[in-house]
């Protein structure tokens, strides 16, 4: 279900559209378990990924959202709650 595992990620292997995030908070699409993707798209296993690239696009968006969530959670744990109020 994850043919993109063979693809190379540009740059250092951890690049996202949010370069300001520290590398330890970045989630790569390959880190997503197929079961996670099926929460968003229950019939994901039925998609012919050689013809339809949308599953990979969805994995990239979910990975980016998870990266931002990880960084925000870390900031809140450091008592930077005022950053969440903006």
C-alpha atoms as a PDB file:
ATOM      1  CA  UNK A   1       0.000   0.000   0.000  1.00  0.00           C
ATOM      2  CA  UNK A   2       3.012   2.345   0.251  1.00  0.00           C
ATOM      3  CA  UNK A   3       4.964   2.369  -3.031  1.00  0.00           C
ATOM      4  CA  UNK A   4       6.435   5.760  -2.114  1.00  0.00           C
ATOM      5  CA  UNK A   5       8.782   4.015   0.308  1.00  0.00           C
ATOM      6  CA  UNK A   6      11.081   3.554  -2.694  1.00  0.00           C
ATOM      7  CA  UNK A   7      11.095   7.255  -3.496  1.00  0.00           C
ATOM      8  CA  UNK A   8      13.852   9.508  -2.234  1.00  0.00           C
ATOM      9  CA  UNK A   9      12.840  12.426  -0.052  1.00  0.00           C
ATOM     10  CA  UNK A  10      14.493  15.605  -1.340  1.00  0.00           C
ATOM     11  CA  UNK A  11      17.342  17.143   0.639  1.00  0.00           C
ATOM     12  CA  UNK A  12      18.306  15.623   3.953  1.00  0.00           C
ATOM     13  CA  UNK A  13      15.500  13.090   4.014  1.00  0.00           C
ATOM     14  CA  UNK A  14      13.453  15.069   6.546  1.00  0.00           C
ATOM     15  CA  UNK A  15      12.373  18.133   4.551  1.00  0.00           C
ATOM     16  CA  UNK A  16       8.845  19.466   4.846  1.00  0.00           C
ATOM     17  CA  UNK A  17       7.093  22.577   3.631  1.00  0.00           C
ATOM     18  CA  UNK A  18       7.655  23.864   7.188  1.00  0.00           C
ATOM     19  CA  UNK A  19      11.451  24.276   7.270  1.00  0.00           C
ATOM     20  CA  UNK A  20      11.290  26.249  10.532  1.00  0.00           C
ATOM     21  CA  UNK A  21      10.387  23.063  12.430  1.00  0.00           C
ATOM     22  CA  UNK A  22      13.228  21.364  14.227  1.00  0.00           C
ATOM     23  CA  UNK A  23      14.138  18.002  12.663  1.00  0.00           C
ATOM     24  CA  UNK A  24      13.069  16.030  15.743  1.00  0.00           C
ATOM     25  CA  UNK A  25       9.476  17.234  15.249  1.00  0.00           C
ATOM     26  CA  UNK A  26       9.232  16.435  11.557  1.00  0.00           C
ATOM     27  CA  UNK A  27       7.215  13.425  10.485  1.00  0.00           C
ATOM     28  CA  UNK A  28       8.010  11.870   7.118  1.00  0.00           C
ATOM     29  CA  UNK A  29       5.189  10.249   5.108  1.00  0.00           C
ATOM     30  CA  UNK A  30       7.066   6.934   5.330  1.00  0.00           C
ATOM     31  CA  UNK A  31       6.664   7.040   9.113  1.00  0.00           C
ATOM     32  CA  UNK A  32       2.900   6.754   8.738  1.00  0.00           C
ATOM     33  CA  UNK A  33       1.536   3.287   9.222  1.00  0.00           C
ATOM     34  CA  UNK A  34      -0.959   2.058   6.585  1.00  0.00           C
ATOM     35  CA  UNK A  35      -3.529   1.692   9.372  1.00  0.00           C
ATOM     36  CA  UNK A  36      -3.203   5.423  10.071  1.00  0.00           C
ATOM     37  CA  UNK A  37      -4.003   6.286   6.463  1.00  0.00           C
ATOM     38  CA  UNK A  38      -6.973   3.944   6.490  1.00  0.00           C
ATOM     39  CA  UNK A  39      -8.488   6.027   9.292  1.00  0.00           C
ATOM     40  CA  UNK A  40      -8.807   8.835   6.755  1.00  0.00           C
ATOM     41  CA  UNK A  41      -9.492   6.684   3.718  1.00  0.00           C
ATOM     42  CA  UNK A  42     -10.900   3.265   4.690  1.00  0.00           C
ATOM     43  CA  UNK A  43     -10.581   1.853   1.142  1.00  0.00           C
ATOM     44  CA  UNK A  44      -6.981   3.042   0.662  1.00  0.00           C
ATOM     45  CA  UNK A  45      -5.754  -0.492  -0.036  1.00  0.00           C
ATOM     46  CA  UNK A  46      -7.983  -0.601  -3.139  1.00  0.00           C
ATOM     47  CA  UNK A  47      -6.276   2.371  -4.793  1.00  0.00           C
ATOM     48  CA  UNK A  48      -4.057   1.606  -7.786  1.00  0.00           C
ATOM     49  CA  UNK A  49      -1.159   3.854  -6.837  1.00  0.00           C
ATOM     50  CA  UNK A  50       0.551   3.414 -10.176  1.00  0.00           C
ATOM     51  CA  UNK A  51      -2.338   5.399 -11.674  1.00  0.00           C
ATOM     52  CA  UNK A  52      -3.552   7.512  -8.741  1.00  0.00           C
ATOM     53  CA  UNK A  53      -1.042   9.547  -6.711  1.00  0.00           C
ATOM     54  CA  UNK A  54      -3.568  11.071  -4.317  1.00  0.00           C
ATOM     55  CA  UNK A  55      -2.819   8.619  -1.492  1.00  0.00           C
ATOM     56  CA  UNK A  56       0.795   9.798  -1.431  1.00  0.00           C
ATOM     57  CA  UNK A  57      -0.379  13.415  -1.464  1.00  0.00           C
ATOM     58  CA  UNK A  58      -2.643  12.677   1.478  1.00  0.00           C
ATOM     59  CA  UNK A  59       0.234  11.029   3.364  1.00  0.00           C
ATOM     60  CA  UNK A  60       2.382  14.136   2.841  1.00  0.00           C
ATOM     61  CA  UNK A  61      -0.338  16.430   4.214  1.00  0.00           C
ATOM     62  CA  UNK A  62      -0.966  14.184   7.231  1.00  0.00           C
ATOM     63  CA  UNK A  63       2.787  14.023   7.929  1.00  0.00           C
ATOM     64  CA  UNK A  64       3.055  17.801   7.782  1.00  0.00           C
ATOM     65  CA  UNK A  65       0.090  18.209  10.134  1.00  0.00           C
ATOM     66  CA  UNK A  66       1.631  15.692  12.541  1.00  0.00           C
ATOM     67  CA  UNK A  67       4.895  17.662  12.420  1.00  0.00           C
ATOM     68  CA  UNK A  68       3.183  20.916  13.338  1.00  0.00           C
ATOM     69  CA  UNK A  69       1.201  19.177  16.079  1.00  0.00           C
ATOM     70  CA  UNK A  70       4.393  17.684  17.544  1.00  0.00           C
ATOM     71  CA  UNK A  71       6.098  21.083  17.634  1.00  0.00           C
ATOM     72  CA  UNK A  72       3.027  22.771  19.151  1.00  0.00           C
ATOM     73  CA  UNK A  73       2.718  20.100  21.819  1.00  0.00           C
ATOM     74  CA  UNK A  74       6.387  20.523  22.692  1.00  0.00           C
ATOM     75  CA  UNK A  75       5.994  24.310  22.948  1.00  0.00           C
ATOM     76  CA  UNK A  76       2.977  23.937  25.224  1.00  0.00           C
ATOM     77  CA  UNK A  77       4.878  21.486  27.430  1.00  0.00           C
ATOM     78  CA  UNK A  78       7.556  24.145  27.896  1.00  0.00           C
ATOM     79  CA  UNK A  79       4.874  26.443  29.348  1.00  0.00           C
ATOM     80  CA  UNK A  80       4.734  28.623  26.266  1.00  0.00           C
ATOM     81  CA  UNK A  81       0.963  28.631  26.499  1.00  0.00           C
ATOM     82  CA  UNK A  82       0.786  32.258  25.346  1.00  0.00           C
ATOM     83  CA  UNK A  83       1.886  31.094  21.879  1.00  0.00           C
ATOM     84  CA  UNK A  84      -1.330  29.068  21.623  1.00  0.00           C
ATOM     85  CA  UNK A  85      -3.466  32.105  22.456  1.00  0.00           C
ATOM     86  CA  UNK A  86      -2.497  33.967  19.301  1.00  0.00           C
END
